[in-house]
Protein backbone atom coordinates (compact mmCIF):
# COMPACT_ATOMS: atom_id res chain seq x y z
CA UNK A 1 193.58 19.59 72.77
CA UNK A 2 191.13 22.49 72.50
CA UNK A 3 193.44 25.28 73.76
CA UNK A 4 196.31 26.00 75.96
CA UNK A 5 193.98 27.25 78.42
CA UNK A 6 192.09 23.91 78.56
CA UNK A 7 195.47 22.09 78.81
CA UNK A 8 196.55 24.39 81.71
CA UNK A 9 193.14 23.86 83.38
CA UNK A 10 193.56 20.15 83.10
CA UNK A 11 197.07 20.05 84.57
CA UNK A 12 196.02 22.27 87.39
CA UNK A 13 192.95 20.14 88.13
CA UNK A 14 195.00 16.99 87.88
CA UNK A 15 197.28 18.36 90.51
CA UNK A 16 194.32 19.03 92.83
CA UNK A 17 192.80 15.60 92.12
CA UNK A 18 196.04 13.93 93.08
CA UNK A 19 196.12 15.98 96.39
CA UNK A 20 192.60 15.06 97.30
CA UNK A 21 193.12 11.37 96.32
CA UNK A 22 196.22 11.36 98.48
CA UNK A 23 194.35 12.98 101.38
CA UNK A 24 191.49 10.36 101.09
CA UNK A 25 189.29 10.33 104.10
CA UNK A 26 191.74 9.95 107.01
CA UNK A 27 192.35 11.18 109.64
CA UNK A 28 189.00 12.77 109.64
CA UNK A 29 186.70 10.05 109.25
CA UNK A 30 188.71 6.80 109.57
CA UNK A 31 191.25 5.64 112.38
CA UNK A 32 193.32 3.49 109.81
CA UNK A 33 194.54 4.27 106.43
CA UNK A 34 197.36 3.07 104.21
CA UNK A 35 200.08 5.39 102.93
CA UNK A 36 200.50 5.93 99.21
CA UNK A 37 203.33 3.64 98.51
CA UNK A 38 201.70 0.74 100.38
CA UNK A 39 198.42 1.31 98.55
CA UNK A 40 200.13 1.27 95.20
CA UNK A 41 202.43 -1.70 96.05
CA UNK A 42 199.57 -3.79 97.34
CA UNK A 43 197.23 -2.95 94.36
CA UNK A 44 200.16 -3.89 92.01
CA UNK A 45 200.59 -7.29 93.76
CA UNK A 46 196.95 -8.00 93.79
CA UNK A 47 196.53 -7.05 90.10
CA UNK A 48 199.60 -8.95 88.86
CA UNK A 49 200.35 -11.66 91.37
CA UNK A 50 203.56 -12.10 93.28
CA UNK A 51 206.50 -10.02 92.07
CA UNK A 52 210.35 -9.56 92.83
CA UNK A 53 211.55 -6.13 93.83
CA UNK A 54 213.14 -5.92 90.41
CA UNK A 55 209.84 -6.71 88.78
CA UNK A 56 208.08 -4.18 90.81
CA UNK A 57 210.67 -1.46 90.10
CA UNK A 58 210.36 -2.10 86.35
CA UNK A 59 206.51 -2.06 86.56
CA UNK A 60 206.53 1.25 88.40
CA UNK A 61 209.47 2.75 86.23
CA UNK A 62 211.39 3.34 89.51
CA UNK A 63 214.99 2.81 90.89
CA UNK A 64 215.24 -0.69 92.59
CA UNK A 65 216.63 0.89 95.84
CA UNK A 66 213.47 3.11 96.02
CA UNK A 67 211.09 0.09 95.61
CA UNK A 68 213.26 -1.96 98.01
CA UNK A 69 212.76 0.61 100.84
CA UNK A 70 208.99 0.56 100.04
CA UNK A 71 208.65 -3.09 100.16
CA UNK A 72 210.80 -3.32 103.26
CA UNK A 73 208.44 -0.80 105.03
CA UNK A 74 205.42 -2.54 103.93
CA UNK A 75 206.88 -5.92 105.22
CA UNK A 76 207.81 -4.20 108.66
CA UNK A 77 204.12 -3.25 108.82
CA UNK A 78 202.95 -6.82 108.09
CA UNK A 79 201.42 -5.94 104.69
CA UNK A 80 203.73 -7.77 102.42
CA UNK A 81 205.56 -11.10 102.77
CA UNK A 82 208.56 -12.57 100.88
CA UNK A 83 207.69 -16.15 99.27
CA UNK A 84 209.44 -18.52 96.90
CA UNK A 85 208.78 -18.07 93.32
CA UNK A 86 205.56 -20.03 92.47
CA UNK A 87 207.03 -20.64 89.16
CA UNK A 88 210.26 -22.10 90.54
CA UNK A 89 212.48 -19.14 89.74
CA UNK A 90 215.43 -18.27 91.90
CA UNK A 91 214.33 -14.68 92.78
CA UNK A 92 212.04 -14.42 95.79
CA UNK A 93 208.71 -12.85 95.18
CA UNK A 94 206.46 -10.67 97.24
CA UNK A 95 202.79 -10.97 97.87
CA UNK A 96 200.17 -9.28 100.07
CA UNK A 97 199.69 -10.88 103.42
CA UNK A 98 196.15 -11.52 104.63
CA UNK A 99 196.40 -8.33 106.75
CA UNK A 100 197.69 -6.44 103.58
CA UNK A 101 194.87 -7.56 101.44
CA UNK A 102 192.32 -6.72 104.18
CA UNK A 103 193.79 -3.38 104.56
CA UNK A 104 193.92 -2.69 100.88
CA UNK A 105 190.20 -3.79 100.56
CA UNK A 106 189.33 -1.29 103.56
CA UNK A 107 191.27 1.38 101.87
CA UNK A 108 189.42 1.06 98.58
CA UNK A 109 186.11 0.73 100.28
CA UNK A 110 186.77 4.03 102.27
CA UNK A 111 187.81 5.77 99.09
CA UNK A 112 184.63 4.53 97.22
CA UNK A 113 182.51 5.98 100.19
CA UNK A 114 184.31 9.20 99.99
CA UNK A 115 183.89 9.34 96.28
CA UNK A 116 180.24 8.48 96.67
CA UNK A 117 179.76 11.53 98.93
CA UNK A 118 181.59 13.98 96.59
CA UNK A 119 179.67 12.61 93.55
CA UNK A 120 176.37 12.48 95.18
CA UNK A 121 174.66 15.04 92.89
CA UNK A 122 176.34 13.60 89.71
CA UNK A 123 174.42 11.46 87.19
CA UNK A 124 175.56 7.70 86.78
CA UNK A 125 176.41 8.86 83.14
CA UNK A 126 178.76 11.73 84.32
CA UNK A 127 180.43 9.22 86.86
CA UNK A 128 180.88 6.83 83.88
CA UNK A 129 182.23 9.40 81.62
CA UNK A 130 184.82 10.66 84.26
CA UNK A 131 185.82 7.04 84.89
CA UNK A 132 186.20 6.30 81.18
CA UNK A 133 188.20 9.51 80.50
CA UNK A 134 190.52 9.07 83.54
CA UNK A 135 191.22 5.53 82.48
CA UNK A 136 191.86 6.53 78.88
CA UNK A 137 194.27 9.24 80.16
CA UNK A 138 195.98 6.77 82.49
CA UNK A 139 196.29 4.17 79.62
CA UNK A 140 197.87 6.73 77.39
CA UNK A 141 200.50 7.61 80.08
CA UNK A 142 201.08 3.83 80.60
CA UNK A 143 201.60 3.41 76.82
CA UNK A 144 204.00 6.19 76.61
CA UNK A 145 205.98 4.53 79.25
CA UNK A 146 205.50 0.89 77.99
CA UNK A 147 204.22 -0.03 81.48
CA UNK A 148 200.72 -1.15 81.42
CA UNK A 149 198.90 -1.44 84.69
CA UNK A 150 196.68 -4.64 84.86
CA UNK A 151 193.08 -3.93 85.76
CA UNK A 152 190.55 -6.22 87.36
CA UNK A 153 187.59 -4.19 88.54
CA UNK A 154 185.74 -7.39 89.62
CA UNK A 155 187.80 -7.63 92.76
CA UNK A 156 186.82 -6.01 95.95
CA UNK A 157 189.02 -2.89 95.62
């Protein structure tokens, strides 16, 4: 790291980035948006396939009761459904419903459009650099926690 000033600036800007990302576009330009926990749950299920609450909790590094509440809320909202384990295991798994998959795709589409507006005067190279460095940062965090997040950018998210 170049200096403590640069690190302090990075920490502060990361806090603002998180704030802006959580704000997204709603309610100003959209009538419907997903809350943060539903977005993350649906994205994880889409990236990794059906998972039990215990598997989700482990992948997020969260308490099972916290994830159970989030899954229950998403199920109540019709975003996630409980299924038999496709591999024949005893534990029930969860996957996105068709509505959940649609809403996740809509959420990421809206986020891309908002980002496109915010980055309109950036060069393609600068956008690529920001994406590369952000991924590198995230992968370092994941590696330190032993919880890699599967990535599949070919999907419509």
